[in-house]
C-alpha atoms as a PDB file:
ATOM      1  CA  UNK A   1     113.540  96.088 129.107  1.00  0.00           C
ATOM      2  CA  UNK A   2     109.598  94.996 127.440  1.00  0.00           C
ATOM      3  CA  UNK A   3     107.486  97.749 128.722  1.00  0.00           C
ATOM      4  CA  UNK A   4     104.840  95.942 130.819  1.00  0.00           C
ATOM      5  CA  UNK A   5     101.345  96.482 129.698  1.00  0.00           C
ATOM      6  CA  UNK A   6      98.096  95.779 131.842  1.00  0.00           C
ATOM      7  CA  UNK A   7      95.773  93.358 130.161  1.00  0.00           C
ATOM      8  CA  UNK A   8      93.315  94.620 127.593  1.00  0.00           C
ATOM      9  CA  UNK A   9      90.050  93.249 126.881  1.00  0.00           C
ATOM     10  CA  UNK A  10      91.777  91.276 124.311  1.00  0.00           C
ATOM     11  CA  UNK A  11      93.804  89.629 126.296  1.00  0.00           C
ATOM     12  CA  UNK A  12      90.966  88.899 129.140  1.00  0.00           C
ATOM     13  CA  UNK A  13      89.165  87.330 125.925  1.00  0.00           C
ATOM     14  CA  UNK A  14      91.480  84.841 125.584  1.00  0.00           C
ATOM     15  CA  UNK A  15      92.839  84.000 128.190  1.00  0.00           C
ATOM     16  CA  UNK A  16      88.673  82.383 128.867  1.00  0.00           C
ATOM     17  CA  UNK A  17      89.284  81.005 125.813  1.00  0.00           C
ATOM     18  CA  UNK A  18      92.243  79.411 127.121  1.00  0.00           C
ATOM     19  CA  UNK A  19      90.600  78.170 129.937  1.00  0.00           C
ATOM     20  CA  UNK A  20      87.243  76.780 128.223  1.00  0.00           C
ATOM     21  CA  UNK A  21      89.781  74.081 125.760  1.00  0.00           C
ATOM     22  CA  UNK A  22      91.423  73.070 129.223  1.00  0.00           C
ATOM     23  CA  UNK A  23      94.889  75.230 129.077  1.00  0.00           C
ATOM     24  CA  UNK A  24      96.503  76.754 131.884  1.00  0.00           C
ATOM     25  CA  UNK A  25      96.812  80.637 131.019  1.00  0.00           C
ATOM     26  CA  UNK A  26     100.514  82.004 132.672  1.00  0.00           C
ATOM     27  CA  UNK A  27     100.645  86.036 133.929  1.00  0.00           C
ATOM     28  CA  UNK A  28     102.634  87.926 135.750  1.00  0.00           C
ATOM     29  CA  UNK A  29     102.243  91.349 138.363  1.00  0.00           C
ATOM     30  CA  UNK A  30     102.527  94.479 138.034  1.00  0.00           C
ATOM     31  CA  UNK A  31     104.104  97.045 139.951  1.00  0.00           C
ATOM     32  CA  UNK A  32     100.099  97.945 141.099  1.00  0.00           C
ATOM     33  CA  UNK A  33      98.947  94.770 141.942  1.00  0.00           C
ATOM     34  CA  UNK A  34      99.512  94.997 146.137  1.00  0.00           C
ATOM     35  CA  UNK A  35     100.434  92.070 148.203  1.00  0.00           C
ATOM     36  CA  UNK A  36     102.726  90.080 146.087  1.00  0.00           C
ATOM     37  CA  UNK A  37     106.410  91.453 144.415  1.00  0.00           C
ATOM     38  CA  UNK A  38     106.071  92.629 140.941  1.00  0.00           C
ATOM     39  CA  UNK A  39     107.342  90.246 137.861  1.00  0.00           C
ATOM     40  CA  UNK A  40     106.079  87.209 139.387  1.00  0.00           C
ATOM     41  CA  UNK A  41     104.410  84.775 137.829  1.00  0.00           C
ATOM     42  CA  UNK A  42     100.431  82.909 139.266  1.00  0.00           C
ATOM     43  CA  UNK A  43      98.051  81.396 137.211  1.00  0.00           C
ATOM     44  CA  UNK A  44      94.773  82.257 136.099  1.00  0.00           C
ATOM     45  CA  UNK A  45      92.041  79.935 137.838  1.00  0.00           C
ATOM     46  CA  UNK A  46      88.620  81.641 136.583  1.00  0.00           C
ATOM     47  CA  UNK A  47      86.867  84.860 136.385  1.00  0.00           C
ATOM     48  CA  UNK A  48      84.364  86.222 138.916  1.00  0.00           C
ATOM     49  CA  UNK A  49      80.477  87.843 138.204  1.00  0.00           C
ATOM     50  CA  UNK A  50      79.957  90.748 137.491  1.00  0.00           C
ATOM     51  CA  UNK A  51      83.877  91.379 135.520  1.00  0.00           C
ATOM     52  CA  UNK A  52      84.668  94.561 137.540  1.00  0.00           C
ATOM     53  CA  UNK A  53      87.379  95.976 139.684  1.00  0.00           C
ATOM     54  CA  UNK A  54      89.394  92.718 141.316  1.00  0.00           C
ATOM     55  CA  UNK A  55      87.561  90.549 139.059  1.00  0.00           C
ATOM     56  CA  UNK A  56      90.663  87.830 138.300  1.00  0.00           C
ATOM     57  CA  UNK A  57      90.877  85.210 140.265  1.00  0.00           C
ATOM     58  CA  UNK A  58      94.796  83.329 140.043  1.00  0.00           C
ATOM     59  CA  UNK A  59      96.978  81.884 142.222  1.00  0.00           C
ATOM     60  CA  UNK A  60     100.032  82.942 142.633  1.00  0.00           C
ATOM     61  CA  UNK A  61     103.384  80.603 141.645  1.00  0.00           C
ATOM     62  CA  UNK A  62     104.260  79.198 144.634  1.00  0.00           C
ATOM     63  CA  UNK A  63     100.699  79.354 146.594  1.00  0.00           C
ATOM     64  CA  UNK A  64      97.564  77.664 146.514  1.00  0.00           C
ATOM     65  CA  UNK A  65      95.702  80.586 147.567  1.00  0.00           C
ATOM     66  CA  UNK A  66      93.486  82.387 144.935  1.00  0.00           C
ATOM     67  CA  UNK A  67      93.089  85.761 145.407  1.00  0.00           C
ATOM     68  CA  UNK A  68      92.173  87.843 142.887  1.00  0.00           C
ATOM     69  CA  UNK A  69      92.814  91.263 140.965  1.00  0.00           C
ATOM     70  CA  UNK A  70      91.878  94.113 138.208  1.00  0.00           C
ATOM     71  CA  UNK A  71      93.867  93.958 134.554  1.00  0.00           C
ATOM     72  CA  UNK A  72      95.670  97.326 135.990  1.00  0.00           C
ATOM     73  CA  UNK A  73      97.695  94.801 137.943  1.00  0.00           C
ATOM     74  CA  UNK A  74      98.470  91.939 135.649  1.00  0.00           C
ATOM     75  CA  UNK A  75      99.772  91.582 132.505  1.00  0.00           C
ATOM     76  CA  UNK A  76     100.854  88.834 129.917  1.00  0.00           C
ATOM     77  CA  UNK A  77     104.137  90.326 129.081  1.00  0.00           C
ATOM     78  CA  UNK A  78     107.392  87.550 131.201  1.00  0.00           C
ATOM     79  CA  UNK A  79     109.573  90.868 132.889  1.00  0.00           C
ATOM     80  CA  UNK A  80     112.911  90.507 131.445  1.00  0.00           C
ATOM     81  CA  UNK A  81     115.509  89.206 133.458  1.00  0.00           C
ATOM     82  CA  UNK A  82     117.007  91.363 137.051  1.00  0.00           C
ATOM     83  CA  UNK A  83     120.850  92.045 136.098  1.00  0.00           C
ATOM     84  CA  UNK A  84     123.444  90.621 138.176  1.00  0.00           C
ATOM     85  CA  UNK A  85     124.444  92.415 141.385  1.00  0.00           C
ATOM     86  CA  UNK A  86     127.712  94.304 140.596  1.00  0.00           C
ATOM     87  CA  UNK A  87     131.244  93.755 142.253  1.00  0.00           C
ATOM     88  CA  UNK A  88     131.780  95.596 145.532  1.00  0.00           C
ATOM     89  CA  UNK A  89     134.208  97.998 145.588  1.00  0.00           C
ATOM     90  CA  UNK A  90     136.398  98.727 147.691  1.00  0.00           C
ATOM     91  CA  UNK A  91     135.572 101.262 150.344  1.00  0.00           C
ATOM     92  CA  UNK A  92     137.359 104.835 149.546  1.00  0.00           C
ATOM     93  CA  UNK A  93     139.478 106.547 152.124  1.00  0.00           C
ATOM     94  CA  UNK A  94     138.259 108.644 154.722  1.00  0.00           C
ATOM     95  CA  UNK A  95     139.172 112.109 155.097  1.00  0.00           C
ATOM     96  CA  UNK A  96     139.839 113.683 157.815  1.00  0.00           C
ATOM     97  CA  UNK A  97     136.808 115.973 158.160  1.00  0.00           C
ATOM     98  CA  UNK A  98     137.589 120.117 158.443  1.00  0.00           C
ATOM     99  CA  UNK A  99     135.780 121.970 161.274  1.00  0.00           C
ATOM    100  CA  UNK A 100     135.548 125.790 160.843  1.00  0.00           C
ATOM    101  CA  UNK A 101     134.929 127.975 163.450  1.00  0.00           C
ATOM    102  CA  UNK A 102     133.778 131.726 163.471  1.00  0.00           C
ATOM    103  CA  UNK A 103     135.614 134.031 163.548  1.00  0.00           C
ATOM    104  CA  UNK A 104     135.277 137.147 166.542  1.00  0.00           C
ATOM    105  CA  UNK A 105     132.370 139.291 164.912  1.00  0.00           C
ATOM    106  CA  UNK A 106     131.688 136.727 162.567  1.00  0.00           C
ATOM    107  CA  UNK A 107     127.043 136.337 162.933  1.00  0.00           C
ATOM    108  CA  UNK A 108     126.487 133.137 163.604  1.00  0.00           C
ATOM    109  CA  UNK A 109     124.702 129.958 161.429  1.00  0.00           C
ATOM    110  CA  UNK A 110     120.524 130.592 160.980  1.00  0.00           C
ATOM    111  CA  UNK A 111     119.593 127.661 162.710  1.00  0.00           C
ATOM    112  CA  UNK A 112     117.259 125.793 161.045  1.00  0.00           C
ATOM    113  CA  UNK A 113     113.713 125.456 161.312  1.00  0.00           C
ATOM    114  CA  UNK A 114     111.649 121.925 162.668  1.00  0.00           C
ATOM    115  CA  UNK A 115     109.406 120.943 159.884  1.00  0.00           C
ATOM    116  CA  UNK A 116     106.043 120.230 160.882  1.00  0.00           C
ATOM    117  CA  UNK A 117     105.266 116.219 162.088  1.00  0.00           C
ATOM    118  CA  UNK A 118     103.354 114.192 159.963  1.00  0.00           C
ATOM    119  CA  UNK A 119     100.255 113.613 160.132  1.00  0.00           C
ATOM    120  CA  UNK A 120      99.642 109.778 161.091  1.00  0.00           C
ATOM    121  CA  UNK A 121      98.378 107.370 158.621  1.00  0.00           C
ATOM    122  CA  UNK A 122      94.923 106.345 158.869  1.00  0.00           C
ATOM    123  CA  UNK A 123      94.406 102.682 159.321  1.00  0.00           C
ATOM    124  CA  UNK A 124      91.520 100.570 158.336  1.00  0.00           C
ATOM    125  CA  UNK A 125      91.418  97.064 159.158  1.00  0.00           C
ATOM    126  CA  UNK A 126      88.332  95.176 157.813  1.00  0.00           C
ATOM    127  CA  UNK A 127      87.312  91.658 159.836  1.00  0.00           C
ATOM    128  CA  UNK A 128      85.328  89.099 156.751  1.00  0.00           C
ATOM    129  CA  UNK A 129      82.899  86.028 158.003  1.00  0.00           C
ATOM    130  CA  UNK A 130      81.947  83.644 155.717  1.00  0.00           C
ATOM    131  CA  UNK A 131      78.839  81.669 157.160  1.00  0.00           C
ATOM    132  CA  UNK A 132      81.439  78.285 157.022  1.00  0.00           C
ATOM    133  CA  UNK A 133      82.926  80.245 160.189  1.00  0.00           C
ATOM    134  CA  UNK A 134      85.689  81.286 158.418  1.00  0.00           C
ATOM    135  CA  UNK A 135      87.606  84.711 158.839  1.00  0.00           C
ATOM    136  CA  UNK A 136      89.929  87.253 155.975  1.00  0.00           C
ATOM    137  CA  UNK A 137      90.906  90.321 157.438  1.00  0.00           C
ATOM    138  CA  UNK A 138      92.161  93.332 154.988  1.00  0.00           C
ATOM    139  CA  UNK A 139      94.242  96.344 156.223  1.00  0.00           C
ATOM    140  CA  UNK A 140      94.441  99.337 154.003  1.00  0.00           C
ATOM    141  CA  UNK A 141      97.192 101.896 155.086  1.00  0.00           C
ATOM    142  CA  UNK A 142      95.307 105.673 153.914  1.00  0.00           C
ATOM    143  CA  UNK A 143      93.961 104.710 150.112  1.00  0.00           C
ATOM    144  CA  UNK A 144      96.295 101.213 150.457  1.00  0.00           C
ATOM    145  CA  UNK A 145      95.735  97.989 150.387  1.00  0.00           C
ATOM    146  CA  UNK A 146      98.395  96.414 152.297  1.00  0.00           C
ATOM    147  CA  UNK A 147      96.861  92.869 153.152  1.00  0.00           C
ATOM    148  CA  UNK A 148      93.983  91.466 150.958  1.00  0.00           C
ATOM    149  CA  UNK A 149      92.081  89.368 152.742  1.00  0.00           C
ATOM    150  CA  UNK A 150      94.495  87.024 154.513  1.00  0.00           C
ATOM    151  CA  UNK A 151      92.840  83.890 156.271  1.00  0.00           C
ATOM    152  CA  UNK A 152      92.975  83.981 160.135  1.00  0.00           C
ATOM    153  CA  UNK A 153      91.799  81.584 162.373  1.00  0.00           C
ATOM    154  CA  UNK A 154      88.530  81.567 164.134  1.00  0.00           C
ATOM    155  CA  UNK A 155      90.828  81.290 168.031  1.00  0.00           C
ATOM    156  CA  UNK A 156      92.708  84.969 167.162  1.00  0.00           C
ATOM    157  CA  UNK A 157      89.499  86.543 166.284  1.00  0.00           C
ATOM    158  CA  UNK A 158      88.183  85.157 169.460  1.00  0.00           C
ATOM    159  CA  UNK A 159      91.567  86.726 171.173  1.00  0.00           C
ATOM    160  CA  UNK A 160      91.171  89.730 169.992  1.00  0.00           C
ATOM    161  CA  UNK A 161      87.095  90.622 169.936  1.00  0.00           C
ATOM    162  CA  UNK A 162      88.360  89.904 174.004  1.00  0.00           C
ATOM    163  CA  UNK A 163      90.533  93.425 173.873  1.00  0.00           C
ATOM    164  CA  UNK A 164      87.825  95.446 172.138  1.00  0.00           C
ATOM    165  CA  UNK A 165      84.550  97.598 173.455  1.00  0.00           C
ATOM    166  CA  UNK A 166      82.006  95.174 174.089  1.00  0.00           C
ATOM    167  CA  UNK A 167      79.460  95.741 171.319  1.00  0.00           C
ATOM    168  CA  UNK A 168      82.219  94.670 168.919  1.00  0.00           C
ATOM    169  CA  UNK A 169      83.258  91.848 171.113  1.00  0.00           C
ATOM    170  CA  UNK A 170      79.682  90.872 171.007  1.00  0.00           C
ATOM    171  CA  UNK A 171      78.855  91.171 167.247  1.00  0.00           C
ATOM    172  CA  UNK A 172      82.497  89.338 166.876  1.00  0.00           C
ATOM    173  CA  UNK A 173      80.851  86.684 168.864  1.00  0.00           C
ATOM    174  CA  UNK A 174      77.915  86.423 167.961  1.00  0.00           C
ATOM    175  CA  UNK A 175      79.588  84.924 164.818  1.00  0.00           C
ATOM    176  CA  UNK A 176      81.541  83.354 166.060  1.00  0.00           C
ATOM    177  CA  UNK A 177      78.442  81.494 168.105  1.00  0.00           C
ATOM    178  CA  UNK A 178      76.777  80.975 164.816  1.00  0.00           C
ATOM    179  CA  UNK A 179      79.545  79.219 163.357  1.00  0.00           C
ATOM    180  CA  UNK A 180      79.978  77.469 165.862  1.00  0.00           C
ATOM    181  CA  UNK A 181      76.403  75.879 165.984  1.00  0.00           C
ATOM    182  CA  UNK A 182      76.114  75.162 162.359  1.00  0.00           C
ATOM    183  CA  UNK A 183      79.972  73.303 162.623  1.00  0.00           C
ATOM    184  CA  UNK A 184      78.214  71.239 165.096  1.00  0.00           C
ATOM    185  CA  UNK A 185      74.905  70.673 163.672  1.00  0.00           C
ATOM    186  CA  UNK A 186      76.857  69.882 160.730  1.00  0.00           C
ATOM    187  CA  UNK A 187      79.407  67.140 162.229  1.00  0.00           C
ATOM    188  CA  UNK A 188      76.265  65.724 164.189  1.00  0.00           C
ATOM    189  CA  UNK A 189      74.394  65.396 159.918  1.00  0.00           C
ATOM    190  CA  UNK A 190      77.705  63.751 159.337  1.00  0.00           C
ATOM    191  CA  UNK A 191      77.833  60.807 162.096  1.00  0.00           C
ATOM    192  CA  UNK A 192      73.943  60.030 160.989  1.00  0.00           C
ATOM    193  CA  UNK A 193      75.447  59.762 157.671  1.00  0.00           C
ATOM    194  CA  UNK A 194      77.999  57.650 158.726  1.00  0.00           C
ATOM    195  CA  UNK A 195      75.438  55.444 161.388  1.00  0.00           C
ATOM    196  CA  UNK A 196      72.724  54.876 158.035  1.00  0.00           C
ATOM    197  CA  UNK A 197      76.270  54.120 156.179  1.00  0.00           C
ATOM    198  CA  UNK A 198      77.558  51.426 158.492  1.00  0.00           C
ATOM    199  CA  UNK A 199      73.845  50.051 159.313  1.00  0.00           C
ATOM    200  CA  UNK A 200      73.402  49.498 155.191  1.00  0.00           C
ATOM    201  CA  UNK A 201      76.949  48.211 155.426  1.00  0.00           C
ATOM    202  CA  UNK A 202      76.141  45.123 158.008  1.00  0.00           C
ATOM    203  CA  UNK A 203      73.351  44.779 156.171  1.00  0.00           C
ATOM    204  CA  UNK A 204      74.740  43.533 153.353  1.00  0.00           C
ATOM    205  CA  UNK A 205      77.297  41.700 155.376  1.00  0.00           C
END
């Protein structure tokens, strides 16, 4: 089995050179990658600035989404094919269970102590809005990111805002209203451009 090696500085330089030359650069996700399957392939589409943290932009195979990852989450080493599952063996015959009783005068077994209940893990949910009114959500369970900037519709955000405290709902509503106004202004601008183009077309006709 090939040893998985994260991207080095030399690997990143070589990928950058391939992209500059118009060549496709294929990488594979390591076990450190969050939200994707280890061993899955992806195409590198570019590098974000500054080159720190999750700055390598890739498009996973079979997806049109572009995601950002760190060098530790990617490798140039293609994983070995998974072995075929072994044939199922017949289940062993069941042996009757022997119950041991206590003889008179014997001490009862000491009951097991209950383990203390585990503390609930802290979950952090972050909503992010762009100037164009697009929304994404990021989820951290403890220190592990389980959802990485997944797109969500503005309608779903508005529904969630109605069940949150008024201060939070008001802040989200303000962002939604601002995005709506920008889109409305954009529609009016496009209408004006369309009308101007139609007038120019009629003049040419």
